[in-house]
Amino acid sequence: MFVKYLKSKLHQAKVTDARLHYPGSIAIDSQLLEAADIQPYETVMVADLDNGNRLETYAVPEEASSGKIEILGPAANLIKPGDTIIVFSFGYYSTEEKDKVKPKVIILDKNNKIKAKK
């Protein structure tokens, strides 16, 4: 049996832009994707700390070291520029593997630069 567990997260990311008329996704600085082990086009969950909205979408890479985190498509109705979010990624693990999994937690500063890794 496989169970869904937290694989990694980007914590306290600041949304830099939101564009409604765009095929839905979230664009994330590719350096941050790499740090959190999130693959391009991988499904992610996004939680908005400012308004409580949560949604599922997929991550697309943005320019490395740009600090950009852009909400694209219909999610722009739920999450706005300046909002603080958490981006979660998950993996499916066997009962034997799950005890060996330690999620990567990447904590960001107000400019979406890596402040700490846990």
Protein backbone atom coordinates (compact mmCIF):
# COMPACT_ATOMS: atom_id res chain seq x y z
CA MET A 1 0.00 0.00 0.00
CA PHE A 2 1.14 3.53 -0.76
CA VAL A 3 0.26 6.56 1.37
CA LYS A 4 0.53 10.24 0.41
CA TYR A 5 3.03 12.14 2.59
CA LEU A 6 4.56 15.61 2.54
CA LYS A 7 7.69 15.60 0.36
CA SER A 8 8.62 19.30 0.61
CA LYS A 9 7.33 22.82 0.99
CA LEU A 10 8.22 26.42 0.27
CA HIS A 11 7.19 28.28 3.43
CA GLN A 12 6.27 31.99 3.62
CA ALA A 13 6.63 32.71 -0.10
CA LYS A 14 5.42 36.13 -1.27
CA VAL A 15 3.27 36.26 -4.38
CA THR A 16 4.90 38.68 -6.82
CA ASP A 17 2.21 38.71 -9.51
CA ALA A 18 -1.16 37.22 -10.46
CA ARG A 19 -2.44 36.95 -14.04
CA LEU A 20 -5.99 35.77 -14.52
CA HIS A 21 -6.00 35.25 -18.29
CA TYR A 22 -3.38 32.55 -18.46
CA PRO A 23 -3.65 28.74 -18.48
CA GLY A 24 -3.77 27.83 -14.78
CA SER A 25 -0.61 27.16 -12.81
CA ILE A 26 1.90 28.73 -10.43
CA ALA A 27 5.22 30.02 -11.77
CA ILE A 28 8.06 29.64 -9.27
CA ASP A 29 11.71 30.71 -9.40
CA SER A 30 13.47 27.58 -10.70
CA GLN A 31 16.14 27.84 -8.00
CA LEU A 32 13.39 27.50 -5.37
CA LEU A 33 11.83 24.56 -7.23
CA GLU A 34 15.19 22.80 -7.18
CA ALA A 35 15.77 23.53 -3.48
CA ALA A 36 12.36 22.03 -2.63
CA ASP A 37 12.76 19.11 -5.05
CA ILE A 38 9.66 20.15 -7.00
CA GLN A 39 9.81 19.11 -10.64
CA PRO A 40 8.51 21.32 -13.47
CA TYR A 41 4.79 20.60 -14.01
CA GLU A 42 4.52 18.63 -10.76
CA THR A 43 1.22 18.94 -8.91
CA VAL A 44 1.41 21.21 -5.86
CA MET A 45 -0.99 22.46 -3.21
CA VAL A 46 -0.97 26.17 -2.41
CA ALA A 47 -2.27 27.61 0.87
CA ASP A 48 -2.73 31.37 1.30
CA LEU A 49 -1.82 32.51 4.81
CA ASP A 50 -3.63 35.84 4.34
CA ASN A 51 -7.08 34.58 3.42
CA GLY A 52 -7.12 30.81 4.03
CA ASN A 53 -7.70 29.83 0.40
CA ARG A 54 -6.19 26.51 -0.69
CA LEU A 55 -5.90 25.13 -4.19
CA GLU A 56 -4.19 22.49 -6.26
CA THR A 57 -2.31 23.34 -9.44
CA TYR A 58 1.03 22.60 -11.07
CA ALA A 59 4.40 24.35 -10.86
CA VAL A 60 6.07 25.91 -13.89
CA PRO A 61 9.66 27.14 -13.74
CA GLU A 62 10.41 30.85 -13.68
CA GLU A 63 13.81 32.49 -14.17
CA ALA A 64 16.39 31.30 -11.60
CA SER A 65 17.18 33.76 -8.77
CA SER A 66 14.34 36.05 -9.91
CA GLY A 67 12.35 35.59 -6.70
CA LYS A 68 9.20 35.39 -8.83
CA ILE A 69 6.17 33.51 -7.58
CA GLU A 70 3.26 34.18 -9.91
CA ILE A 71 -0.30 32.90 -9.62
CA LEU A 72 -1.58 32.15 -13.12
CA GLY A 73 -5.10 31.49 -14.35
CA PRO A 74 -8.28 31.11 -12.30
CA ALA A 75 -6.33 30.89 -9.04
CA ALA A 76 -5.68 34.63 -9.47
CA ASN A 77 -9.24 35.10 -8.19
CA LEU A 78 -8.19 33.50 -4.88
CA ILE A 79 -4.59 34.60 -4.33
CA LYS A 80 -3.30 38.14 -4.91
CA PRO A 81 0.13 39.79 -5.27
CA GLY A 82 1.63 40.43 -1.84
CA ASP A 83 -0.11 37.45 -0.23
CA THR A 84 2.04 35.05 1.77
CA ILE A 85 1.66 31.43 0.71
CA ILE A 86 2.94 27.93 1.39
CA VAL A 87 3.58 25.63 -1.58
CA PHE A 88 3.37 21.93 -0.67
CA SER A 89 4.51 18.92 -2.71
CA PHE A 90 3.64 15.34 -1.86
CA GLY A 91 4.89 11.88 -2.68
CA TYR A 92 3.43 8.41 -2.42
CA TYR A 93 5.44 6.12 -0.19
CA SER A 94 5.16 2.52 0.89
CA THR A 95 4.70 1.81 4.58
CA GLU A 96 8.37 0.76 4.66
CA GLU A 97 9.59 3.97 2.99
CA LYS A 98 7.49 6.45 4.95
CA ASP A 99 9.57 6.22 8.12
CA LYS A 100 12.69 7.21 6.15
CA VAL A 101 11.12 10.26 4.53
CA LYS A 102 12.09 13.64 5.96
CA PRO A 103 10.30 16.48 4.17
CA LYS A 104 12.40 19.35 2.84
CA VAL A 105 11.22 22.63 4.34
CA ILE A 106 12.51 25.74 2.58
CA ILE A 107 11.77 28.93 4.51
CA LEU A 108 11.81 32.11 2.45
CA ASP A 109 12.37 35.75 3.35
CA LYS A 110 10.18 38.64 2.16
CA ASN A 111 12.06 38.72 -1.19
CA ASN A 112 11.62 34.96 -1.81
CA LYS A 113 15.26 34.22 -1.07
CA ILE A 114 16.10 31.12 0.95
CA LYS A 115 16.34 32.04 4.62
CA ALA A 116 16.64 28.51 6.06
CA LYS A 117 16.43 24.86 5.07
CA LYS A 118 15.04 22.32 7.51
